[in-house]
């Protein structure tokens, strides 16, 4: 069957002309170009906010204490992109200036550059405080997380290593008697720290340290004793006060000193 019979004489004539033109190198076929559909414009990922919050597990850091560190968490608004997000952390380099026993307090954040891995939305850091003994210094401080132009802040307090309790049991009795005392610090010091114990009248009250079970027997009582606190030593530490008989009732004092701090408790020896 001829071409014209199959598709019609007019269509066959057009197709023949196109074939003739192509064969002579003078014909072209124009094919309309259609661009792929475009997606609505979206906000670039780099311009989205990332930092959600900075939180701390507690709000007090004990200077120069083995158990005085604070742990913190930087949390993002969404999981980090591939390759992670690096957040710069900073805190108070010096928050309380001083010299000698009343030295300055400072804080360090570890690490100063915190990388949150891709796919995760948080990471943990630490704050460690340093400072000389003062016994009464409390200094406010901030820790700041920065990513690009974004910042998030949390507040904490640096507290000096200090005596928080001095106890005597009993605190009053007929002499002679032996009282058991304890000294408690607010943290375990990174370096050996001494607490000195003295009485207002060494003729009446004397001291001895306790090793092992508490008994009336033990080493000879002394006018003063030192209790040494370390990162591995017990806290509180225990001592004994040996009170001698008196002709009439007397109220004396027991003093504990550490650095620039002094704590005093009364003890009464009855007749």
Protein backbone atom coordinates (compact mmCIF):
# COMPACT_ATOMS: atom_id res chain seq x y z
CA UNK A 1 0.00 0.00 0.00
CA UNK A 2 1.35 3.44 -0.98
CA UNK A 3 2.23 6.08 1.70
CA UNK A 4 -0.58 8.38 0.49
CA UNK A 5 -3.10 5.64 0.85
CA UNK A 6 -2.09 4.89 4.44
CA UNK A 7 -1.93 8.44 5.93
CA UNK A 8 -3.78 10.59 3.43
CA UNK A 9 -2.49 12.54 0.41
CA UNK A 10 -2.02 15.92 2.14
CA UNK A 11 -0.03 14.56 5.12
CA UNK A 12 2.08 12.42 2.78
CA UNK A 13 2.92 15.51 0.70
CA UNK A 14 4.10 17.44 3.81
CA UNK A 15 6.25 14.57 5.02
CA UNK A 16 7.80 14.15 1.57
CA UNK A 17 8.76 17.81 1.55
CA UNK A 18 10.42 17.56 4.97
CA UNK A 19 12.39 14.51 3.89
CA UNK A 20 13.47 16.30 0.71
CA UNK A 21 14.65 19.38 2.65
CA UNK A 22 16.59 17.32 5.16
CA UNK A 23 18.22 15.37 2.40
CA UNK A 24 19.36 18.60 0.75
CA UNK A 25 20.74 19.95 4.05
CA UNK A 26 18.44 22.95 4.03
CA UNK A 27 15.70 21.77 6.35
CA UNK A 28 15.48 21.89 10.15
CA UNK A 29 12.94 20.62 12.58
CA UNK A 30 12.26 22.97 15.48
CA UNK A 31 11.53 21.18 18.74
CA UNK A 32 10.00 23.43 21.40
CA UNK A 33 12.10 23.63 24.67
CA UNK A 34 10.31 23.29 27.96
CA UNK A 35 12.23 24.08 31.16
CA UNK A 36 11.70 21.76 34.15
CA UNK A 37 9.19 22.96 36.71
CA UNK A 38 10.76 25.19 39.38
CA UNK A 39 10.37 24.66 43.14
CA UNK A 40 9.29 27.52 45.35
CA UNK A 41 12.27 29.40 46.76
CA UNK A 42 13.25 28.20 50.25
CA UNK A 43 15.27 29.84 53.01
CA UNK A 44 18.95 28.80 52.81
CA UNK A 45 19.93 26.40 55.61
CA UNK A 46 22.80 28.64 56.65
CA UNK A 47 20.44 31.45 57.61
CA UNK A 48 18.20 29.34 59.86
CA UNK A 49 18.62 29.78 63.62
CA UNK A 50 20.51 26.89 65.24
CA UNK A 51 21.19 27.52 68.93
CA UNK A 52 18.35 26.46 71.18
CA UNK A 53 19.68 26.69 74.74
CA UNK A 54 22.56 26.32 77.19
CA UNK A 55 21.76 24.44 80.40
CA UNK A 56 23.80 23.52 83.51
CA UNK A 57 23.40 20.54 85.83
CA UNK A 58 23.84 22.86 88.83
CA UNK A 59 24.35 26.57 89.41
CA UNK A 60 27.35 26.53 91.79
CA UNK A 61 30.95 25.66 90.97
CA UNK A 62 33.36 25.09 93.88
CA UNK A 63 36.77 26.63 93.18
CA UNK A 64 39.76 24.28 93.43
CA UNK A 65 37.54 21.32 94.34
CA UNK A 66 37.74 17.88 92.77
CA UNK A 67 33.96 17.61 92.87
CA UNK A 68 33.32 21.27 92.07
CA UNK A 69 32.93 21.03 88.29
CA UNK A 70 29.69 21.91 86.52
CA UNK A 71 28.54 20.00 83.44
CA UNK A 72 26.60 21.85 80.76
CA UNK A 73 24.73 21.05 77.57
CA UNK A 74 24.39 23.02 74.35
CA UNK A 75 21.18 22.08 72.58
CA UNK A 76 20.31 22.88 68.95
CA UNK A 77 16.90 23.57 67.46
CA UNK A 78 17.40 20.67 65.05
CA UNK A 79 20.01 17.97 64.37
CA UNK A 80 23.34 19.32 63.14
CA UNK A 81 24.15 19.23 59.44
CA UNK A 82 26.62 16.76 57.98
CA UNK A 83 30.11 17.57 59.21
CA UNK A 84 28.78 18.97 62.49
CA UNK A 85 28.39 22.43 63.97
CA UNK A 86 31.20 24.08 65.97
CA UNK A 87 30.00 26.24 68.87
CA UNK A 88 32.42 28.62 70.60
CA UNK A 89 32.14 28.62 74.41
CA UNK A 90 33.43 31.30 76.76
CA UNK A 91 33.14 32.13 80.45
CA UNK A 92 34.58 34.44 83.11
CA UNK A 93 38.41 34.47 82.98
CA UNK A 94 38.59 36.42 86.28
CA UNK A 95 35.48 37.08 88.32
CA UNK A 96 36.97 38.15 91.67
CA UNK A 97 40.38 39.78 91.81
CA UNK A 98 42.56 39.53 94.89
CA UNK A 99 45.96 38.64 96.26
CA UNK A 100 47.50 36.42 98.90
CA UNK A 101 45.03 34.26 100.80
CA UNK A 102 42.19 36.23 99.27
CA UNK A 103 43.26 35.41 95.75
CA UNK A 104 41.16 35.80 92.63
CA UNK A 105 38.55 33.39 91.33
CA UNK A 106 38.31 32.32 87.70
CA UNK A 107 36.50 29.80 85.54
CA UNK A 108 37.50 27.77 82.46
CA UNK A 109 35.17 26.06 80.01
CA UNK A 110 36.26 22.69 78.58
CA UNK A 111 36.39 22.48 75.60
CA UNK A 112 36.34 26.11 74.43
CA UNK A 113 35.20 24.93 70.97
CA UNK A 114 32.41 22.37 71.14
CA UNK A 115 31.55 20.37 68.01
CA UNK A 116 28.08 18.87 67.81
CA UNK A 117 28.34 15.95 65.33
CA UNK A 118 26.10 15.75 62.29
CA UNK A 119 22.75 14.17 63.06
CA UNK A 120 22.87 15.05 66.78
CA UNK A 121 21.21 18.02 68.44
CA UNK A 122 23.29 18.41 71.63
CA UNK A 123 26.74 18.03 73.20
CA UNK A 124 28.21 18.35 76.71
CA UNK A 125 30.91 20.61 78.15
CA UNK A 126 32.46 21.25 81.59
CA UNK A 127 33.17 24.33 83.70
CA UNK A 128 36.09 24.21 86.14
CA UNK A 129 36.74 26.98 88.66
CA UNK A 130 40.01 27.99 90.29
CA UNK A 131 40.98 30.35 93.07
CA UNK A 132 42.81 30.84 96.34
CA UNK A 133 41.10 30.21 99.63
CA UNK A 134 39.02 33.07 100.92
CA UNK A 135 36.24 31.30 102.73
CA UNK A 136 33.51 33.78 101.93
CA UNK A 137 33.71 34.73 98.25
CA UNK A 138 30.78 34.01 95.94
CA UNK A 139 31.02 35.46 92.44
CA UNK A 140 28.39 35.37 89.66
CA UNK A 141 29.52 34.30 86.20
CA UNK A 142 28.09 33.51 82.75
CA UNK A 143 28.88 30.84 80.20
CA UNK A 144 28.11 31.87 76.61
CA UNK A 145 27.66 29.69 73.53
CA UNK A 146 28.17 31.44 70.17
CA UNK A 147 27.47 30.23 66.64
CA UNK A 148 27.72 32.87 63.95
CA UNK A 149 25.62 35.79 65.15
CA UNK A 150 23.65 33.64 67.58
CA UNK A 151 24.33 33.48 71.34
CA UNK A 152 22.82 31.62 74.28
CA UNK A 153 23.83 32.20 77.92
CA UNK A 154 23.53 30.46 81.30
CA UNK A 155 24.43 31.88 84.72
CA UNK A 156 26.25 30.19 87.61
CA UNK A 157 28.13 31.15 90.79
CA UNK A 158 31.74 30.42 91.68
CA UNK A 159 32.07 29.65 95.37
CA UNK A 160 35.32 29.52 97.32
CA UNK A 161 36.32 26.26 98.98
CA UNK A 162 35.25 26.76 102.60
CA UNK A 163 34.20 25.23 105.89
CA UNK A 164 30.46 24.70 105.91
CA UNK A 165 30.09 22.97 109.29
CA UNK A 166 31.90 22.64 112.62
CA UNK A 167 30.07 20.39 115.10
CA UNK A 168 30.70 19.22 118.68
CA UNK A 169 28.84 16.39 120.48
CA UNK A 170 28.25 16.90 123.32
CA UNK A 171 28.65 20.66 123.38
CA UNK A 172 28.30 20.81 127.16
CA UNK A 173 29.05 18.29 129.94
CA UNK A 174 30.64 17.88 133.34
CA UNK A 175 34.41 17.69 133.10
CA UNK A 176 36.33 15.63 132.42
CA UNK A 177 34.65 14.49 129.22
CA UNK A 178 35.46 13.84 125.58
CA UNK A 179 33.46 15.44 122.77
CA UNK A 180 33.47 14.29 119.18
CA UNK A 181 33.79 16.99 116.56
CA UNK A 182 33.53 17.14 112.79
CA UNK A 183 34.69 19.61 110.14
CA UNK A 184 32.94 19.64 106.78
CA UNK A 185 34.03 21.46 103.61
CA UNK A 186 31.79 22.33 100.66
CA UNK A 187 33.99 20.25 98.33
CA UNK A 188 36.99 17.91 98.15
CA UNK A 189 40.07 20.03 97.37
CA UNK A 190 42.24 19.23 94.35
CA UNK A 191 45.32 19.96 96.47
CA UNK A 192 45.90 19.11 100.14
CA UNK A 193 44.19 21.71 102.32
CA UNK A 194 44.66 22.09 106.08
CA UNK A 195 42.11 23.07 108.70
CA UNK A 196 43.72 24.14 112.00
CA UNK A 197 41.85 23.53 115.26
CA UNK A 198 42.58 25.46 118.47
CA UNK A 199 40.86 26.12 121.80
CA UNK A 200 40.53 29.33 123.79
CA UNK A 201 42.19 27.73 126.88
CA UNK A 202 44.58 24.85 126.20
CA UNK A 203 44.69 24.09 129.93
CA UNK A 204 41.07 23.02 129.77
CA UNK A 205 40.39 21.85 126.18
CA UNK A 206 42.85 19.92 124.07
CA UNK A 207 42.59 17.98 120.82
CA UNK A 208 43.46 14.75 119.15
CA UNK A 209 42.74 13.40 115.72
CA UNK A 210 40.94 10.11 115.27
CA UNK A 211 42.21 7.17 113.25
CA UNK A 212 39.89 4.20 113.31
CA UNK A 213 37.02 3.76 115.80
CA UNK A 214 36.23 6.63 118.16
CA UNK A 215 37.32 5.76 121.72
CA UNK A 216 38.39 7.61 124.85
CA UNK A 217 41.80 5.98 124.54
CA UNK A 218 44.21 7.14 121.91
CA UNK A 219 47.16 9.47 121.36
CA UNK A 220 47.88 12.21 123.87
CA UNK A 221 45.75 15.31 123.50
CA UNK A 222 47.46 18.39 122.04
CA UNK A 223 46.88 22.12 122.24
CA UNK A 224 46.01 22.16 118.53
CA UNK A 225 45.68 19.75 115.63
CA UNK A 226 45.53 20.01 111.84
CA UNK A 227 43.04 18.14 109.69
CA UNK A 228 44.23 17.56 106.13
CA UNK A 229 41.63 17.39 103.37
CA UNK A 230 42.48 15.95 99.95
CA UNK A 231 40.55 14.81 96.88
CA UNK A 232 40.54 11.25 98.24
CA UNK A 233 40.21 11.93 102.00
CA UNK A 234 36.91 11.67 103.79
CA UNK A 235 34.76 14.78 104.09
CA UNK A 236 33.72 15.50 106.84
CA UNK A 237 36.71 14.69 109.03
CA UNK A 238 36.47 13.82 112.71
CA UNK A 239 38.45 14.89 115.81
CA UNK A 240 38.10 14.76 119.59
CA UNK A 241 38.07 17.49 122.22
CA UNK A 242 39.31 16.38 125.63
CA UNK A 243 37.93 18.63 128.37
CA UNK A 244 39.55 18.70 131.83
CA UNK A 245 37.68 19.20 135.11
CA UNK A 246 37.13 22.79 136.23
CA UNK A 247 36.41 24.33 139.67
CA UNK A 248 33.44 26.17 138.21
CA UNK A 249 31.53 26.03 134.95
CA UNK A 250 33.25 27.64 131.98
CA UNK A 251 32.21 28.25 128.38
CA UNK A 252 35.17 28.13 126.02
CA UNK A 253 35.49 28.24 122.23
CA UNK A 254 36.77 25.85 119.57
CA UNK A 255 38.12 27.55 116.43
CA UNK A 256 38.63 26.08 112.96
CA UNK A 257 40.73 28.08 110.47
CA UNK A 258 41.24 27.46 106.76
CA UNK A 259 42.85 30.13 104.63
CA UNK A 260 41.12 33.37 105.44
CA UNK A 261 38.07 31.72 107.00
CA UNK A 262 37.44 31.28 110.72
CA UNK A 263 34.59 29.28 112.25
CA UNK A 264 33.99 29.28 116.02
CA UNK A 265 31.82 27.02 118.22
CA UNK A 266 31.29 27.22 121.99
CA UNK A 267 31.88 24.32 124.38
CA UNK A 268 30.80 24.38 128.02
CA UNK A 269 32.63 22.48 130.77
CA UNK A 270 30.47 22.14 133.85
CA UNK A 271 31.62 21.59 137.42
